[in-house]
Protein backbone atom coordinates (compact mmCIF):
# COMPACT_ATOMS: atom_id res chain seq x y z
CA UNK A 1 0.00 0.00 0.00
CA UNK A 2 1.41 3.39 -0.96
CA UNK A 3 1.90 5.98 1.75
CA UNK A 4 -0.41 9.00 1.78
CA UNK A 5 2.36 11.05 3.39
CA UNK A 6 4.36 13.12 0.97
CA UNK A 7 8.06 13.65 1.41
CA UNK A 8 10.69 15.56 -0.50
CA UNK A 9 14.44 15.02 -0.38
CA UNK A 10 15.94 18.52 -0.17
CA UNK A 11 19.30 19.63 -1.55
CA UNK A 12 20.16 21.24 1.79
CA UNK A 13 18.79 22.72 4.97
CA UNK A 14 16.04 25.28 4.36
CA UNK A 15 16.72 28.89 5.30
CA UNK A 16 13.26 29.45 6.74
CA UNK A 17 10.39 27.55 8.32
CA UNK A 18 10.50 25.33 11.38
CA UNK A 19 13.85 24.35 12.87
CA UNK A 20 14.88 20.97 11.42
CA UNK A 21 14.87 17.92 13.71
CA UNK A 22 18.36 16.43 13.80
CA UNK A 23 18.94 12.67 13.91
CA UNK A 24 22.33 11.14 14.74
CA UNK A 25 23.08 7.52 15.61
CA UNK A 26 26.29 8.49 17.40
CA UNK A 27 25.31 11.85 18.87
CA UNK A 28 27.98 13.43 16.66
CA UNK A 29 27.41 15.92 13.85
CA UNK A 30 24.15 17.33 15.18
CA UNK A 31 25.08 20.78 13.87
CA UNK A 32 26.17 19.52 10.46
CA UNK A 33 24.05 19.15 7.39
CA UNK A 34 23.24 15.54 6.61
CA UNK A 35 20.52 14.01 4.46
CA UNK A 36 17.65 16.49 4.54
CA UNK A 37 14.04 15.32 4.08
CA UNK A 38 10.83 17.35 4.30
CA UNK A 39 7.76 15.39 5.47
CA UNK A 40 4.22 16.61 4.74
CA UNK A 41 1.65 14.49 6.64
CA UNK A 42 -1.95 15.07 5.49
CA UNK A 43 -3.23 15.78 9.02
CA UNK A 44 -0.42 17.96 10.37
CA UNK A 45 2.17 20.61 9.70
CA UNK A 46 5.25 19.76 7.67
CA UNK A 47 8.57 19.13 9.35
CA UNK A 48 12.15 18.75 8.16
CA UNK A 49 14.57 16.06 9.28
CA UNK A 50 18.36 16.39 9.13
CA UNK A 51 19.70 12.82 9.13
CA UNK A 52 23.40 12.40 9.88
CA UNK A 53 25.04 9.93 7.48
CA UNK A 54 26.75 6.65 8.26
CA UNK A 55 29.77 5.19 6.50
CA UNK A 56 28.60 4.81 2.88
CA UNK A 57 27.07 6.97 0.17
CA UNK A 58 23.77 5.05 -0.03
CA UNK A 59 20.52 6.99 0.55
CA UNK A 60 16.84 5.93 0.49
CA UNK A 61 13.48 7.10 1.88
CA UNK A 62 10.49 4.72 1.98
CA UNK A 63 7.15 4.69 3.81
CA UNK A 64 6.50 2.06 6.46
CA UNK A 65 3.43 0.94 8.40
CA UNK A 66 1.03 2.48 5.86
CA UNK A 67 2.76 5.85 6.06
CA UNK A 68 2.70 6.18 9.85
CA UNK A 69 6.49 5.91 9.76
CA UNK A 70 9.25 6.39 7.21
CA UNK A 71 12.53 4.55 6.86
CA UNK A 72 15.33 6.97 6.00
CA UNK A 73 18.77 5.68 5.05
CA UNK A 74 21.31 8.50 5.04
CA UNK A 75 24.81 7.56 3.99
CA UNK A 76 24.23 3.96 5.09
CA UNK A 77 22.72 4.82 8.48
CA UNK A 78 19.08 3.76 8.93
CA UNK A 79 16.48 5.73 10.89
CA UNK A 80 12.80 4.90 11.40
CA UNK A 81 10.82 8.05 12.21
CA UNK A 82 7.23 8.73 13.16
CA UNK A 83 5.92 10.61 10.15
CA UNK A 84 3.47 12.78 12.04
CA UNK A 85 5.57 13.81 15.06
CA UNK A 86 9.15 13.48 13.83
CA UNK A 87 9.98 11.19 16.74
CA UNK A 88 12.76 8.62 16.35
CA UNK A 89 11.38 5.07 16.57
CA UNK A 90 14.61 3.15 15.91
CA UNK A 91 17.97 3.32 14.21
CA UNK A 92 20.15 0.64 12.66
CA UNK A 93 22.89 -0.01 10.16
CA UNK A 94 25.68 2.45 9.63
CA UNK A 95 27.20 0.73 6.64
CA UNK A 96 24.20 -0.08 4.41
CA UNK A 97 25.35 0.04 0.81
CA UNK A 98 22.45 -1.53 -1.10
CA UNK A 99 18.70 -1.78 -0.64
CA UNK A 100 15.72 -2.93 -2.66
CA UNK A 101 12.11 -2.15 -1.81
CA UNK A 102 10.01 -5.26 -2.52
CA UNK A 103 6.59 -5.46 -4.18
CA UNK A 104 4.51 -4.59 -1.11
CA UNK A 105 6.35 -1.21 -0.93
CA UNK A 106 7.07 -1.70 2.78
CA UNK A 107 9.44 -4.66 2.88
CA UNK A 108 13.07 -3.71 2.25
CA UNK A 109 16.02 -5.97 1.52
CA UNK A 110 19.32 -4.38 2.63
CA UNK A 111 23.00 -5.27 2.47
CA UNK A 112 26.14 -4.01 4.14
CA UNK A 113 28.35 -5.68 1.53
CA UNK A 114 28.86 -8.93 3.44
CA UNK A 115 25.34 -10.09 4.43
CA UNK A 116 21.67 -9.31 3.77
CA UNK A 117 18.71 -8.50 6.02
CA UNK A 118 15.01 -8.36 5.28
CA UNK A 119 13.16 -5.53 7.06
CA UNK A 120 9.41 -5.13 7.53
CA UNK A 121 8.34 -1.92 9.27
CA UNK A 122 12.10 -1.45 9.88
CA UNK A 123 12.21 -4.59 12.05
CA UNK A 124 14.54 -7.38 11.02
CA UNK A 125 12.60 -10.41 9.76
CA UNK A 126 15.77 -12.39 9.02
CA UNK A 127 19.48 -11.92 8.40
CA UNK A 128 21.74 -14.14 6.33
CA UNK A 129 25.02 -15.55 7.45
CA UNK A 130 28.08 -13.74 6.12
CA UNK A 131 28.29 -14.30 2.34
CA UNK A 132 31.39 -12.29 1.41
CA UNK A 133 34.70 -11.14 2.79
CA UNK A 134 34.19 -7.68 1.31
CA UNK A 135 31.51 -6.86 -1.23
CA UNK A 136 28.66 -8.39 -3.18
CA UNK A 137 27.77 -7.86 -6.81
CA UNK A 138 25.48 -8.95 -9.60
CA UNK A 139 22.49 -9.11 -7.29
CA UNK A 140 19.12 -9.86 -8.82
CA UNK A 141 15.76 -10.90 -7.45
CA UNK A 142 13.43 -13.63 -8.62
CA UNK A 143 10.03 -14.33 -7.07
CA UNK A 144 11.55 -16.24 -4.16
CA UNK A 145 15.35 -15.83 -4.33
CA UNK A 146 18.12 -13.28 -4.22
CA UNK A 147 20.99 -14.30 -6.46
CA UNK A 148 24.43 -12.69 -6.49
CA UNK A 149 28.14 -13.11 -5.98
CA UNK A 150 30.32 -12.66 -2.90
CA UNK A 151 34.01 -11.78 -2.91
CA UNK A 152 36.55 -14.23 -1.51
CA UNK A 153 40.08 -13.74 -0.15
CA UNK A 154 41.51 -15.39 -3.27
CA UNK A 155 40.17 -12.35 -5.18
CA UNK A 156 37.48 -14.30 -7.00
CA UNK A 157 33.69 -13.99 -6.96
CA UNK A 158 31.56 -16.91 -5.79
CA UNK A 159 27.82 -17.28 -6.52
CA UNK A 160 25.26 -17.35 -3.72
CA UNK A 161 21.50 -17.69 -3.39
CA UNK A 162 19.26 -16.48 -0.56
CA UNK A 163 15.75 -17.80 0.09
CA UNK A 164 13.59 -14.67 0.51
CA UNK A 165 11.08 -16.50 2.73
CA UNK A 166 13.52 -17.31 5.54
CA UNK A 167 17.02 -15.98 4.73
CA UNK A 168 18.61 -19.41 4.30
CA UNK A 169 21.56 -19.15 1.93
CA UNK A 170 23.94 -21.29 -0.08
CA UNK A 171 27.31 -20.44 -1.59
CA UNK A 172 29.13 -17.15 -1.34
CA UNK A 173 32.76 -16.15 -0.97
CA UNK A 174 33.10 -16.26 2.82
CA UNK A 175 34.60 -19.31 4.49
CA UNK A 176 35.33 -18.63 8.13
CA UNK A 177 34.40 -19.56 11.69
CA UNK A 178 30.73 -18.71 11.21
CA UNK A 179 30.47 -20.90 8.10
CA UNK A 180 32.41 -23.78 9.65
CA UNK A 181 30.19 -23.76 12.75
CA UNK A 182 27.06 -23.74 10.60
CA UNK A 183 28.46 -26.68 8.56
CA UNK A 184 29.22 -28.67 11.77
CA UNK A 185 25.72 -27.97 13.14
CA UNK A 186 23.99 -29.15 9.98
CA UNK A 187 26.42 -31.98 9.22
CA UNK A 188 27.80 -33.13 12.63
CA UNK A 189 29.58 -36.26 11.31
CA UNK A 190 31.75 -34.43 8.78
């Protein structure tokens, strides 16, 4: 369902109007310009959010919970805000570098370059195991799978698949303690 709340990503902080509400996951940079978004709820006055960025250059704004909240990713840092009041509901990430909004317009698949998470109303539904040492590429979605490649220490790319229903994955370029423990748990006699 599409949100009835309008928003506009601004090029910078406005010179007039209400004082922007500043969001920072670390408490730092509150007086710096970050990602600036103007929200215009149908039953209230507009407000402007100044969202301090995380560690990447990835940005996204998407409605959640039928427009009652919005997920804002500013430079890889995720914020969930109450659309009507401007209150912070939660924050997450910091190094998000890829996201895809799914067909229902409220479920978001995100990646930090080594693993994937599925968010619904900005709550984690599932998270994959680590799939790469540093970076994923060639990601594409089918009806029920995410398909891509994860980078390995031998500087090669290795294919992986993720089940969108539950986050179970196969393949990828990461072989490490997490993967070995998972292998022992599933195959105890090997």
